[in-house]
Amino acid sequence: MKKNMGSTDKVIRLSAAAILAALYFTGTVTGTLGIVALVAAGVFTLTSLVSFCPIYPILGISTCSVKK
């Protein structure tokens, strides 16, 4: 997998994951929506850690800066 996520993208995803997880664990979001939020938080965290988003190549997007 070639990295396609920049540092700003990672920070935004990790922040969103933290917010979604906090909403779930505080009981603000419950039921099916809570499970969806928790799964989304997991996906955001995983994609941030590996610096690869599987949807970006399909859309032709890369937020990773090119080093020369």
N, C-alpha and C. Protein backbone atom coordinates (compact mmCIF):
# COMPACT_ATOMS: atom_id res chain seq x y z
N MET A 1 0.83 -1.18 0.00
CA MET A 1 0.00 0.00 0.00
C MET A 1 0.88 1.25 0.00
N LYS A 2 0.62 2.12 -0.93
CA LYS A 2 1.33 3.38 -0.99
C LYS A 2 0.58 4.40 -0.13
N LYS A 3 1.32 5.14 0.68
CA LYS A 3 0.69 6.13 1.55
C LYS A 3 0.00 7.20 0.71
N ASN A 4 -1.22 7.56 1.11
CA ASN A 4 -1.95 8.60 0.38
C ASN A 4 -2.64 9.59 1.32
N MET A 5 -2.18 9.64 2.57
CA MET A 5 -2.76 10.57 3.54
C MET A 5 -1.68 11.46 4.13
N GLY A 6 -1.96 12.75 4.14
CA GLY A 6 -1.04 13.71 4.74
C GLY A 6 -1.28 13.84 6.24
N SER A 7 -0.43 14.60 6.90
CA SER A 7 -0.51 14.73 8.36
C SER A 7 -1.77 15.46 8.80
N THR A 8 -2.21 16.45 8.03
CA THR A 8 -3.44 17.16 8.39
C THR A 8 -4.64 16.23 8.32
N ASP A 9 -4.68 15.41 7.30
CA ASP A 9 -5.76 14.43 7.13
C ASP A 9 -5.78 13.46 8.31
N LYS A 10 -4.61 13.01 8.74
CA LYS A 10 -4.52 12.08 9.87
C LYS A 10 -5.04 12.72 11.16
N VAL A 11 -4.65 13.97 11.39
CA VAL A 11 -5.08 14.67 12.61
C VAL A 11 -6.60 14.84 12.62
N ILE A 12 -7.16 15.21 11.48
CA ILE A 12 -8.61 15.38 11.40
C ILE A 12 -9.32 14.06 11.66
N ARG A 13 -8.83 12.98 11.06
CA ARG A 13 -9.45 11.67 11.26
C ARG A 13 -9.33 11.19 12.71
N LEU A 14 -8.17 11.39 13.31
CA LEU A 14 -8.00 10.96 14.70
C LEU A 14 -8.87 11.79 15.64
N SER A 15 -9.02 13.07 15.35
CA SER A 15 -9.90 13.92 16.16
C SER A 15 -11.35 13.48 16.04
N ALA A 16 -11.78 13.19 14.81
CA ALA A 16 -13.15 12.72 14.60
C ALA A 16 -13.36 11.38 15.30
N ALA A 17 -12.36 10.51 15.26
CA ALA A 17 -12.47 9.21 15.93
C ALA A 17 -12.60 9.39 17.44
N ALA A 18 -11.83 10.30 18.00
CA ALA A 18 -11.90 10.54 19.44
C ALA A 18 -13.27 11.09 19.84
N ILE A 19 -13.80 11.99 19.03
CA ILE A 19 -15.12 12.56 19.32
C ILE A 19 -16.20 11.49 19.23
N LEU A 20 -16.17 10.67 18.17
CA LEU A 20 -17.17 9.61 18.01
C LEU A 20 -17.08 8.59 19.16
N ALA A 21 -15.86 8.22 19.53
CA ALA A 21 -15.69 7.27 20.63
C ALA A 21 -16.20 7.87 21.95
N ALA A 22 -15.90 9.14 22.18
CA ALA A 22 -16.37 9.80 23.40
C ALA A 22 -17.89 9.85 23.45
N LEU A 23 -18.51 10.16 22.32
CA LEU A 23 -19.98 10.18 22.27
C LEU A 23 -20.57 8.82 22.59
N TYR A 24 -19.93 7.78 22.09
CA TYR A 24 -20.43 6.42 22.34
C TYR A 24 -20.24 6.04 23.80
N PHE A 25 -19.03 6.24 24.33
CA PHE A 25 -18.74 5.78 25.69
C PHE A 25 -19.40 6.63 26.78
N THR A 26 -19.80 7.85 26.46
CA THR A 26 -20.54 8.65 27.44
C THR A 26 -22.04 8.38 27.39
N GLY A 27 -22.46 7.60 26.41
CA GLY A 27 -23.88 7.25 26.29
C GLY A 27 -24.70 8.30 25.55
N THR A 28 -24.03 9.27 24.95
CA THR A 28 -24.74 10.29 24.19
C THR A 28 -25.36 9.70 22.93
N VAL A 29 -24.61 8.82 22.28
CA VAL A 29 -25.09 8.12 21.07
C VAL A 29 -25.21 6.65 21.44
N THR A 30 -26.42 6.09 21.30
CA THR A 30 -26.65 4.70 21.69
C THR A 30 -27.33 3.94 20.56
N GLY A 31 -27.50 2.67 20.78
CA GLY A 31 -28.20 1.83 19.81
C GLY A 31 -27.40 1.61 18.55
N THR A 32 -28.12 1.46 17.45
CA THR A 32 -27.48 1.20 16.17
C THR A 32 -26.58 2.35 15.75
N LEU A 33 -27.03 3.56 15.96
CA LEU A 33 -26.20 4.72 15.61
C LEU A 33 -24.91 4.74 16.43
N GLY A 34 -24.97 4.31 17.66
CA GLY A 34 -23.78 4.23 18.50
C GLY A 34 -22.78 3.22 17.97
N ILE A 35 -23.28 2.07 17.54
CA ILE A 35 -22.40 1.04 16.98
C ILE A 35 -21.77 1.55 15.68
N VAL A 36 -22.55 2.21 14.85
CA VAL A 36 -22.02 2.77 13.60
C VAL A 36 -20.95 3.81 13.91
N ALA A 37 -21.17 4.65 14.90
CA ALA A 37 -20.19 5.66 15.29
C ALA A 37 -18.90 5.01 15.79
N LEU A 38 -19.03 3.95 16.56
CA LEU A 38 -17.85 3.25 17.08
C LEU A 38 -17.07 2.58 15.96
N VAL A 39 -17.76 1.98 15.02
CA VAL A 39 -17.09 1.35 13.87
C VAL A 39 -16.38 2.42 13.03
N ALA A 40 -17.06 3.54 12.80
CA ALA A 40 -16.44 4.63 12.04
C ALA A 40 -15.18 5.14 12.75
N ALA A 41 -15.25 5.24 14.06
CA ALA A 41 -14.08 5.67 14.83
C ALA A 41 -12.93 4.68 14.65
N GLY A 42 -13.23 3.41 14.65
CA GLY A 42 -12.21 2.39 14.43
C GLY A 42 -11.59 2.48 13.05
N VAL A 43 -12.42 2.69 12.05
CA VAL A 43 -11.93 2.81 10.67
C VAL A 43 -11.07 4.06 10.53
N PHE A 44 -11.51 5.18 11.10
CA PHE A 44 -10.72 6.41 11.04
C PHE A 44 -9.36 6.22 11.72
N THR A 45 -9.35 5.55 12.86
CA THR A 45 -8.10 5.31 13.57
C THR A 45 -7.17 4.41 12.77
N LEU A 46 -7.71 3.33 12.23
CA LEU A 46 -6.89 2.39 11.46
C LEU A 46 -6.30 3.05 10.22
N THR A 47 -7.12 3.78 9.47
CA THR A 47 -6.61 4.43 8.27
C THR A 47 -5.58 5.50 8.60
N SER A 48 -5.73 6.15 9.73
CA SER A 48 -4.74 7.15 10.14
C SER A 48 -3.42 6.50 10.51
N LEU A 49 -3.48 5.37 11.18
CA LEU A 49 -2.25 4.70 11.61
C LEU A 49 -1.45 4.14 10.44
N VAL A 50 -2.13 3.65 9.40
CA VAL A 50 -1.42 3.08 8.25
C VAL A 50 -1.22 4.10 7.13
N SER A 51 -1.76 5.29 7.28
CA SER A 51 -1.63 6.39 6.31
C SER A 51 -2.17 6.04 4.94
N PHE A 52 -3.19 5.20 4.90
CA PHE A 52 -3.78 4.79 3.63
C PHE A 52 -5.29 4.75 3.74
N CYS A 53 -5.97 5.42 2.81
CA CYS A 53 -7.42 5.38 2.73
C CYS A 53 -7.79 4.63 1.45
N PRO A 54 -8.52 3.52 1.54
CA PRO A 54 -8.83 2.74 0.35
C PRO A 54 -9.76 3.44 -0.63
N ILE A 55 -10.45 4.47 -0.21
CA ILE A 55 -11.35 5.19 -1.10
C ILE A 55 -10.60 6.22 -1.94
N TYR A 56 -9.49 6.74 -1.43
CA TYR A 56 -8.75 7.77 -2.15
C TYR A 56 -8.27 7.32 -3.54
N PRO A 57 -7.69 6.13 -3.71
CA PRO A 57 -7.26 5.74 -5.06
C PRO A 57 -8.43 5.63 -6.05
N ILE A 58 -9.58 5.21 -5.59
CA ILE A 58 -10.75 5.11 -6.45
C ILE A 58 -11.15 6.49 -6.96
N LEU A 59 -11.06 7.48 -6.07
CA LEU A 59 -11.42 8.85 -6.43
C LEU A 59 -10.26 9.65 -7.02
N GLY A 60 -9.07 9.07 -7.01
CA GLY A 60 -7.90 9.77 -7.53
C GLY A 60 -7.39 10.86 -6.63
N ILE A 61 -7.55 10.70 -5.33
CA ILE A 61 -7.16 11.72 -4.35
C ILE A 61 -5.93 11.26 -3.59
N SER A 62 -5.05 12.19 -3.26
CA SER A 62 -3.93 11.93 -2.38
C SER A 62 -3.65 13.21 -1.61
N THR A 63 -3.69 13.14 -0.29
CA THR A 63 -3.39 14.31 0.53
C THR A 63 -1.96 14.26 1.04
N CYS A 64 -1.22 13.25 0.65
CA CYS A 64 0.16 13.09 1.06
C CYS A 64 1.04 13.99 0.20
N SER A 65 1.92 14.73 0.86
CA SER A 65 2.81 15.61 0.11
C SER A 65 3.86 14.77 -0.61
N VAL A 66 4.23 15.21 -1.80
CA VAL A 66 5.21 14.49 -2.61
C VAL A 66 6.61 14.99 -2.26
N LYS A 67 7.48 14.06 -1.87
CA LYS A 67 8.85 14.43 -1.53
C LYS A 67 9.73 14.26 -2.77
N LYS A 68 10.55 15.28 -3.04
CA LYS A 68 11.44 15.20 -4.20
C LYS A 68 12.87 15.10 -3.77
